[in-house]
Amino acid sequence: MKLLGRKNDERAAKAEPVEVDESVASAGVTAPKGKPTPKRSDSAKRRGPVAPAPMTSAEARKRRKEMRATLTKEERREEKAKRRTAMNDRRERMMSGEEAYLLPRDQGPVRRYARDIVDSRRNVLGLFMPAALGLIFVMLAVPQVQLFISPAMLVLMLLMAVDGILLGRKVNKAVDAKFPDNTEGSFKLGMYAAGRASQMRRMRAPRPQVERGAKVV
């Protein structure tokens, strides 16, 4: 007497093993009923989570340091050269006055207009550094004139203060006429103009875009 279902079990046991279709396995499709489930290929495995972008400059420096630790000497030299080239390019763009590369204090049409006004005139404030160095040199070379150095420095500082006040008023008046809706504070804008005027022309950043004596409209 045969048990129910025994014949079917014997046939299943004697059946040949079923080959797995590689195309089905690589495509990640579930195998048909009666066939073994194909394994996922190595290329279909999930990758690990991507590290988020650094939030601070300190974190960015830490990541660069960790990355350089895994590089060879040639790779570090190449990475350093690329970083230096990128830095020089950003500085040159900033010096040329490109808005996207300017410091926050220099951004905006109002600040650009104020810089043009300062750069178009001769400023007594710009004489501070060369005059101070000249007076110190004279004081060291000729000790007898030390009594006259202090009064000369006081006169120079008084002239620079007057020039800074006049420059600040001129810049604010011109800005109010050209940009009536600007929100720049008068004192803050005047200090910005005076600070730029106190620097030597060749040392100003960004680089002057107008010549001395030019008419700024």
C-alpha atoms as a PDB file:
ATOM      1  CA  MET A   1       0.000   0.000   0.000  1.00  0.00           C
ATOM      2  CA  LYS A   2       1.451   3.317  -1.093  1.00  0.00           C
ATOM      3  CA  LEU A   3       1.096   6.345   1.045  1.00  0.00           C
ATOM      4  CA  LEU A   4      -0.521   9.436  -0.417  1.00  0.00           C
ATOM      5  CA  GLY A   5       2.043  11.808  -1.909  1.00  0.00           C
ATOM      6  CA  ARG A   6       4.968   9.382  -1.637  1.00  0.00           C
ATOM      7  CA  LYS A   7       5.247   8.947  -5.397  1.00  0.00           C
ATOM      8  CA  ASN A   8       5.539  12.658  -5.948  1.00  0.00           C
ATOM      9  CA  ASP A   9       8.240  12.956  -3.260  1.00  0.00           C
ATOM     10  CA  GLU A  10      10.312  10.209  -4.898  1.00  0.00           C
ATOM     11  CA  ARG A  11      10.109  11.922  -8.295  1.00  0.00           C
ATOM     12  CA  ALA A  12      11.198  15.243  -6.775  1.00  0.00           C
ATOM     13  CA  ALA A  13      14.153  13.547  -5.095  1.00  0.00           C
ATOM     14  CA  LYS A  14      15.284  11.914  -8.360  1.00  0.00           C
ATOM     15  CA  ALA A  15      14.946  15.137 -10.365  1.00  0.00           C
ATOM     16  CA  GLU A  16      18.144  16.716 -11.663  1.00  0.00           C
ATOM     17  CA  PRO A  17      19.365  19.988 -10.032  1.00  0.00           C
ATOM     18  CA  VAL A  18      18.160  23.116 -11.766  1.00  0.00           C
ATOM     19  CA  GLU A  19      20.814  25.494 -13.166  1.00  0.00           C
ATOM     20  CA  VAL A  20      20.521  29.161 -12.197  1.00  0.00           C
ATOM     21  CA  ASP A  21      20.197  31.612 -15.069  1.00  0.00           C
ATOM     22  CA  GLU A  22      23.068  34.100 -14.645  1.00  0.00           C
ATOM     23  CA  SER A  23      21.226  36.823 -16.556  1.00  0.00           C
ATOM     24  CA  VAL A  24      18.329  36.553 -14.114  1.00  0.00           C
ATOM     25  CA  ALA A  25      20.651  36.613 -11.117  1.00  0.00           C
ATOM     26  CA  SER A  26      22.609  39.633 -12.387  1.00  0.00           C
ATOM     27  CA  ALA A  27      19.424  41.543 -13.106  1.00  0.00           C
ATOM     28  CA  GLY A  28      18.279  41.083  -9.534  1.00  0.00           C
ATOM     29  CA  VAL A  29      14.953  39.475 -10.654  1.00  0.00           C
ATOM     30  CA  THR A  30      13.271  36.933  -8.359  1.00  0.00           C
ATOM     31  CA  ALA A  31      13.541  33.401  -9.791  1.00  0.00           C
ATOM     32  CA  PRO A  32      10.342  31.627 -10.972  1.00  0.00           C
ATOM     33  CA  LYS A  33       8.530  29.283  -8.619  1.00  0.00           C
ATOM     34  CA  GLY A  34      10.285  25.948  -8.252  1.00  0.00           C
ATOM     35  CA  LYS A  35      13.767  27.399  -8.889  1.00  0.00           C
ATOM     36  CA  PRO A  36      16.267  28.431  -6.210  1.00  0.00           C
ATOM     37  CA  THR A  37      16.547  32.130  -5.438  1.00  0.00           C
ATOM     38  CA  PRO A  38      19.677  33.547  -7.201  1.00  0.00           C
ATOM     39  CA  LYS A  39      22.382  35.206  -5.165  1.00  0.00           C
ATOM     40  CA  ARG A  40      23.063  38.904  -5.612  1.00  0.00           C
ATOM     41  CA  SER A  41      26.216  39.776  -7.497  1.00  0.00           C
ATOM     42  CA  ASP A  42      28.956  41.679  -5.737  1.00  0.00           C
ATOM     43  CA  SER A  43      28.331  44.778  -7.882  1.00  0.00           C
ATOM     44  CA  ALA A  44      24.734  44.959  -6.657  1.00  0.00           C
ATOM     45  CA  LYS A  45      25.701  45.187  -3.011  1.00  0.00           C
ATOM     46  CA  ARG A  46      24.745  48.375  -1.234  1.00  0.00           C
ATOM     47  CA  ARG A  47      27.461  50.882  -0.624  1.00  0.00           C
ATOM     48  CA  GLY A  48      28.111  52.393   2.763  1.00  0.00           C
ATOM     49  CA  PRO A  49      26.667  55.764   3.724  1.00  0.00           C
ATOM     50  CA  VAL A  50      28.343  58.814   2.147  1.00  0.00           C
ATOM     51  CA  ALA A  51      30.006  61.144   4.643  1.00  0.00           C
ATOM     52  CA  PRO A  52      28.260  64.537   4.899  1.00  0.00           C
ATOM     53  CA  ALA A  53      30.019  67.692   3.766  1.00  0.00           C
ATOM     54  CA  PRO A  54      32.156  69.422   6.416  1.00  0.00           C
ATOM     55  CA  MET A  55      30.316  72.136   8.327  1.00  0.00           C
ATOM     56  CA  THR A  56      33.339  74.135   9.520  1.00  0.00           C
ATOM     57  CA  SER A  57      36.800  74.975   8.205  1.00  0.00           C
ATOM     58  CA  ALA A  58      38.359  73.063  11.116  1.00  0.00           C
ATOM     59  CA  GLU A  59      36.500  69.919  10.105  1.00  0.00           C
ATOM     60  CA  ALA A  60      37.546  70.397   6.475  1.00  0.00           C
ATOM     61  CA  ARG A  61      41.209  70.745   7.530  1.00  0.00           C
ATOM     62  CA  LYS A  62      40.917  67.596   9.642  1.00  0.00           C
ATOM     63  CA  ARG A  63      39.540  65.629   6.686  1.00  0.00           C
ATOM     64  CA  ARG A  64      42.276  66.900   4.390  1.00  0.00           C
ATOM     65  CA  LYS A  65      44.889  65.870   6.950  1.00  0.00           C
ATOM     66  CA  GLU A  66      43.407  62.381   7.225  1.00  0.00           C
ATOM     67  CA  MET A  67      43.260  62.080   3.443  1.00  0.00           C
ATOM     68  CA  ARG A  68      46.894  63.211   3.018  1.00  0.00           C
ATOM     69  CA  ALA A  69      47.971  60.550   5.507  1.00  0.00           C
ATOM     70  CA  THR A  70      46.850  57.867   3.043  1.00  0.00           C
ATOM     71  CA  LEU A  71      48.543  59.439   0.000  1.00  0.00           C
ATOM     72  CA  THR A  72      51.971  58.703  -1.353  1.00  0.00           C
ATOM     73  CA  LYS A  73      54.705  61.332  -1.524  1.00  0.00           C
ATOM     74  CA  GLU A  74      54.051  62.046  -5.210  1.00  0.00           C
ATOM     75  CA  GLU A  75      50.298  62.301  -4.641  1.00  0.00           C
ATOM     76  CA  ARG A  76      50.809  64.703  -1.731  1.00  0.00           C
ATOM     77  CA  ARG A  77      53.082  66.888  -3.875  1.00  0.00           C
ATOM     78  CA  GLU A  78      50.507  66.930  -6.686  1.00  0.00           C
ATOM     79  CA  GLU A  79      47.649  67.692  -4.280  1.00  0.00           C
ATOM     80  CA  LYS A  80      49.641  70.562  -2.733  1.00  0.00           C
ATOM     81  CA  ALA A  81      50.394  72.041  -6.163  1.00  0.00           C
ATOM     82  CA  LYS A  82      46.706  71.898  -7.133  1.00  0.00           C
ATOM     83  CA  ARG A  83      45.691  73.562  -3.862  1.00  0.00           C
ATOM     84  CA  ARG A  84      48.253  76.340  -4.344  1.00  0.00           C
ATOM     85  CA  THR A  85      47.072  76.924  -7.917  1.00  0.00           C
ATOM     86  CA  ALA A  86      43.437  77.125  -6.798  1.00  0.00           C
ATOM     87  CA  MET A  87      44.357  79.545  -3.999  1.00  0.00           C
ATOM     88  CA  ASN A  88      46.299  81.808  -6.360  1.00  0.00           C
ATOM     89  CA  ASP A  89      43.398  81.774  -8.816  1.00  0.00           C
ATOM     90  CA  ARG A  90      40.911  82.784  -6.095  1.00  0.00           C
ATOM     91  CA  ARG A  91      43.193  85.573  -4.909  1.00  0.00           C
ATOM     92  CA  GLU A  92      43.674  86.927  -8.419  1.00  0.00           C
ATOM     93  CA  ARG A  93      39.918  86.920  -9.007  1.00  0.00           C
ATOM     94  CA  MET A  94      39.397  88.702  -5.683  1.00  0.00           C
ATOM     95  CA  MET A  95      42.053  91.318  -6.496  1.00  0.00           C
ATOM     96  CA  SER A  96      40.462  91.938  -9.895  1.00  0.00           C
ATOM     97  CA  GLY A  97      37.136  92.729  -8.186  1.00  0.00           C
ATOM     98  CA  GLU A  98      34.978  89.730  -9.153  1.00  0.00           C
ATOM     99  CA  GLU A  99      31.938  89.913  -6.894  1.00  0.00           C
ATOM    100  CA  ALA A 100      31.755  86.185  -6.102  1.00  0.00           C
ATOM    101  CA  TYR A 101      35.319  86.160  -4.733  1.00  0.00           C
ATOM    102  CA  LEU A 102      35.257  89.369  -2.680  1.00  0.00           C
ATOM    103  CA  LEU A 103      35.292  89.413   1.097  1.00  0.00           C
ATOM    104  CA  PRO A 104      31.901  90.154   2.721  1.00  0.00           C
ATOM    105  CA  ARG A 105      33.056  93.670   3.674  1.00  0.00           C
ATOM    106  CA  ASP A 106      33.765  94.507  -0.016  1.00  0.00           C
ATOM    107  CA  GLN A 107      30.660  93.016  -1.628  1.00  0.00           C
ATOM    108  CA  GLY A 108      27.859  95.020  -3.163  1.00  0.00           C
ATOM    109  CA  PRO A 109      27.536  97.927  -5.601  1.00  0.00           C
ATOM    110  CA  VAL A 110      27.644 100.502  -2.790  1.00  0.00           C
ATOM    111  CA  ARG A 111      31.049  99.349  -1.560  1.00  0.00           C
ATOM    112  CA  ARG A 112      32.364  99.171  -5.125  1.00  0.00           C
ATOM    113  CA  TYR A 113      31.241 102.739  -5.766  1.00  0.00           C
ATOM    114  CA  ALA A 114      32.868 103.906  -2.506  1.00  0.00           C
ATOM    115  CA  ARG A 115      36.144 102.227  -3.516  1.00  0.00           C
ATOM    116  CA  ASP A 116      36.096 103.957  -6.884  1.00  0.00           C
ATOM    117  CA  ILE A 117      35.650 107.355  -5.208  1.00  0.00           C
ATOM    118  CA  VAL A 118      38.574 106.693  -2.866  1.00  0.00           C
ATOM    119  CA  ASP A 119      40.822 105.405  -5.650  1.00  0.00           C
ATOM    120  CA  SER A 120      40.075 108.365  -7.919  1.00  0.00           C
ATOM    121  CA  ARG A 121      41.511 110.978  -5.536  1.00  0.00           C
ATOM    122  CA  ARG A 122      44.783 111.690  -3.771  1.00  0.00           C
ATOM    123  CA  ASN A 123      44.355 111.123  -0.062  1.00  0.00           C
ATOM    124  CA  VAL A 124      46.394 112.564   2.801  1.00  0.00           C
ATOM    125  CA  LEU A 125      45.545 109.384   4.709  1.00  0.00           C
ATOM    126  CA  GLY A 126      47.679 107.422   2.261  1.00  0.00           C
ATOM    127  CA  LEU A 127      50.770 109.360   3.386  1.00  0.00           C
ATOM    128  CA  PHE A 128      50.648 108.011   6.932  1.00  0.00           C
ATOM    129  CA  MET A 129      52.847 104.957   6.462  1.00  0.00           C
ATOM    130  CA  PRO A 130      55.574 106.501   4.270  1.00  0.00           C
ATOM    131  CA  ALA A 131      55.602 109.691   6.380  1.00  0.00           C
ATOM    132  CA  ALA A 132      55.891 107.739   9.635  1.00  0.00           C
ATOM    133  CA  LEU A 133      58.742 105.630   8.259  1.00  0.00           C
ATOM    134  CA  GLY A 134      60.488 108.763   6.981  1.00  0.00           C
ATOM    135  CA  LEU A 135      60.220 110.544  10.323  1.00  0.00           C
ATOM    136  CA  ILE A 136      61.560 107.503  12.182  1.00  0.00           C
ATOM    137  CA  PHE A 137      64.507 107.269   9.787  1.00  0.00           C
ATOM    138  CA  VAL A 138      65.313 110.966  10.243  1.00  0.00           C
ATOM    139  CA  MET A 139      65.040 110.625  14.013  1.00  0.00           C
ATOM    140  CA  LEU A 140      67.542 107.762  14.030  1.00  0.00           C
ATOM    141  CA  ALA A 141      69.908 109.411  11.559  1.00  0.00           C
ATOM    142  CA  VAL A 142      69.826 112.886  13.132  1.00  0.00           C
ATOM    143  CA  PRO A 143      69.132 112.642  16.884  1.00  0.00           C
ATOM    144  CA  GLN A 144      69.177 116.442  17.201  1.00  0.00           C
ATOM    145  CA  VAL A 145      65.783 116.737  15.468  1.00  0.00           C
ATOM    146  CA  GLN A 146      63.959 114.488  17.942  1.00  0.00           C
ATOM    147  CA  LEU A 147      62.356 117.534  19.538  1.00  0.00           C
ATOM    148  CA  PHE A 148      60.637 118.329  16.239  1.00  0.00           C
ATOM    149  CA  ILE A 149      59.464 114.772  15.453  1.00  0.00           C
ATOM    150  CA  SER A 150      56.632 114.678  17.966  1.00  0.00           C
ATOM    151  CA  PRO A 151      55.009 117.968  16.840  1.00  0.00           C
ATOM    152  CA  ALA A 152      55.389 116.884  13.218  1.00  0.00           C
ATOM    153  CA  MET A 153      53.610 113.596  13.956  1.00  0.00           C
ATOM    154  CA  LEU A 154      50.785 115.411  15.723  1.00  0.00           C
ATOM    155  CA  VAL A 155      50.309 117.769  12.773  1.00  0.00           C
ATOM    156  CA  LEU A 156      50.288 114.824  10.361  1.00  0.00           C
ATOM    157  CA  MET A 157      47.692 112.949  12.410  1.00  0.00           C
ATOM    158  CA  LEU A 158      45.506 116.077  12.580  1.00  0.00           C
ATOM    159  CA  LEU A 159      45.660 116.469   8.802  1.00  0.00           C
ATOM    160  CA  MET A 160      44.770 112.828   8.310  1.00  0.00           C
ATOM    161  CA  ALA A 161      41.798 113.107  10.669  1.00  0.00           C
ATOM    162  CA  VAL A 162      40.455 116.113   8.756  1.00  0.00           C
ATOM    163  CA  ASP A 163      40.993 114.353   5.433  1.00  0.00           C
ATOM    164  CA  GLY A 164      39.202 111.233   6.711  1.00  0.00           C
ATOM    165  CA  ILE A 165      36.185 113.254   7.823  1.00  0.00           C
ATOM    166  CA  LEU A 166      35.947 115.104   4.512  1.00  0.00           C
ATOM    167  CA  LEU A 167      36.342 111.844   2.564  1.00  0.00           C
ATOM    168  CA  GLY A 168      33.635 110.128   4.605  1.00  0.00           C
ATOM    169  CA  ARG A 169      31.196 112.973   3.983  1.00  0.00           C
ATOM    170  CA  LYS A 170      31.968 112.991   0.273  1.00  0.00           C
ATOM    171  CA  VAL A 171      31.465 109.245  -0.076  1.00  0.00           C
ATOM    172  CA  ASN A 172      28.185 109.258   1.873  1.00  0.00           C
ATOM    173  CA  LYS A 173      26.822 112.151  -0.148  1.00  0.00           C
ATOM    174  CA  ALA A 174      27.706 110.511  -3.465  1.00  0.00           C
ATOM    175  CA  VAL A 175      26.287 107.141  -2.371  1.00  0.00           C
ATOM    176  CA  ASP A 176      23.001 108.697  -1.206  1.00  0.00           C
ATOM    177  CA  ALA A 177      22.649 110.428  -4.571  1.00  0.00           C
ATOM    178  CA  LYS A 178      23.383 107.286  -6.621  1.00  0.00           C
ATOM    179  CA  PHE A 179      21.715 104.721  -4.339  1.00  0.00           C
ATOM    180  CA  PRO A 180      18.849 106.508  -2.547  1.00  0.00           C
ATOM    181  CA  ASP A 181      17.492 103.209  -1.195  1.00  0.00           C
ATOM    182  CA  ASN A 182      20.766 101.960   0.299  1.00  0.00           C
ATOM    183  CA  THR A 183      20.798 100.788   3.908  1.00  0.00           C
ATOM    184  CA  GLU A 184      24.496 101.429   4.630  1.00  0.00           C
ATOM    185  CA  GLY A 185      25.186 103.339   7.832  1.00  0.00           C
ATOM    186  CA  SER A 186      26.931 106.671   7.285  1.00  0.00           C
ATOM    187  CA  PHE A 187      29.565 106.098   9.963  1.00  0.00           C
ATOM    188  CA  LYS A 188      30.281 102.537   8.836  1.00  0.00           C
ATOM    189  CA  LEU A 189      30.627 103.533   5.191  1.00  0.00           C
ATOM    190  CA  GLY A 190      32.811 106.516   6.082  1.00  0.00           C
ATOM    191  CA  MET A 191      35.133 104.282   8.124  1.00  0.00           C
ATOM    192  CA  TYR A 192      35.326 101.843   5.214  1.00  0.00           C
ATOM    193  CA  ALA A 193      36.364 104.638   2.847  1.00  0.00           C
ATOM    194  CA  ALA A 194      38.884 106.068   5.317  1.00  0.00           C
ATOM    195  CA  GLY A 195      40.398 102.658   5.971  1.00  0.00           C
ATOM    196  CA  ARG A 196      40.932 102.066   2.269  1.00  0.00           C
ATOM    197  CA  ALA A 197      42.374 105.555   1.780  1.00  0.00           C
ATOM    198  CA  SER A 198      44.902 104.975   4.569  1.00  0.00           C
ATOM    199  CA  GLN A 199      46.503 102.124   2.614  1.00  0.00           C
ATOM    200  CA  MET A 200      49.076 102.646  -0.099  1.00  0.00           C
ATOM    201  CA  ARG A 201      47.493 102.377  -3.539  1.00  0.00           C
ATOM    202  CA  ARG A 202      49.466  99.321  -4.625  1.00  0.00           C
ATOM    203  CA  MET A 203      48.558  97.487  -1.415  1.00  0.00           C
ATOM    204  CA  ARG A 204      44.793  97.949  -1.649  1.00  0.00           C
ATOM    205  CA  ALA A 205      42.575  94.897  -2.003  1.00  0.00           C
ATOM    206  CA  PRO A 206      40.742  94.573  -4.271  1.00  0.00           C
ATOM    207  CA  ARG A 207      42.964  96.311  -6.790  1.00  0.00           C
ATOM    208  CA  PRO A 208      41.872  99.878  -7.803  1.00  0.00           C
ATOM    209  CA  GLN A 209      39.688  99.853 -10.926  1.00  0.00           C
ATOM    210  CA  VAL A 210      39.957 103.578 -11.743  1.00  0.00           C
ATOM    211  CA  GLU A 211      42.891 105.908 -12.297  1.00  0.00           C
ATOM    212  CA  ARG A 212      43.721 108.917 -10.132  1.00  0.00           C
ATOM    213  CA  GLY A 213      41.792 111.962 -11.265  1.00  0.00           C
ATOM    214  CA  ALA A 214      39.144 109.902 -13.074  1.00  0.00           C
ATOM    215  CA  LYS A 215      35.558 111.077 -12.835  1.00  0.00           C
ATOM    216  CA  VAL A 216      33.398 108.542 -10.996  1.00  0.00           C
ATOM    217  CA  VAL A 217      29.768 108.670 -12.077  1.00  0.00           C
END
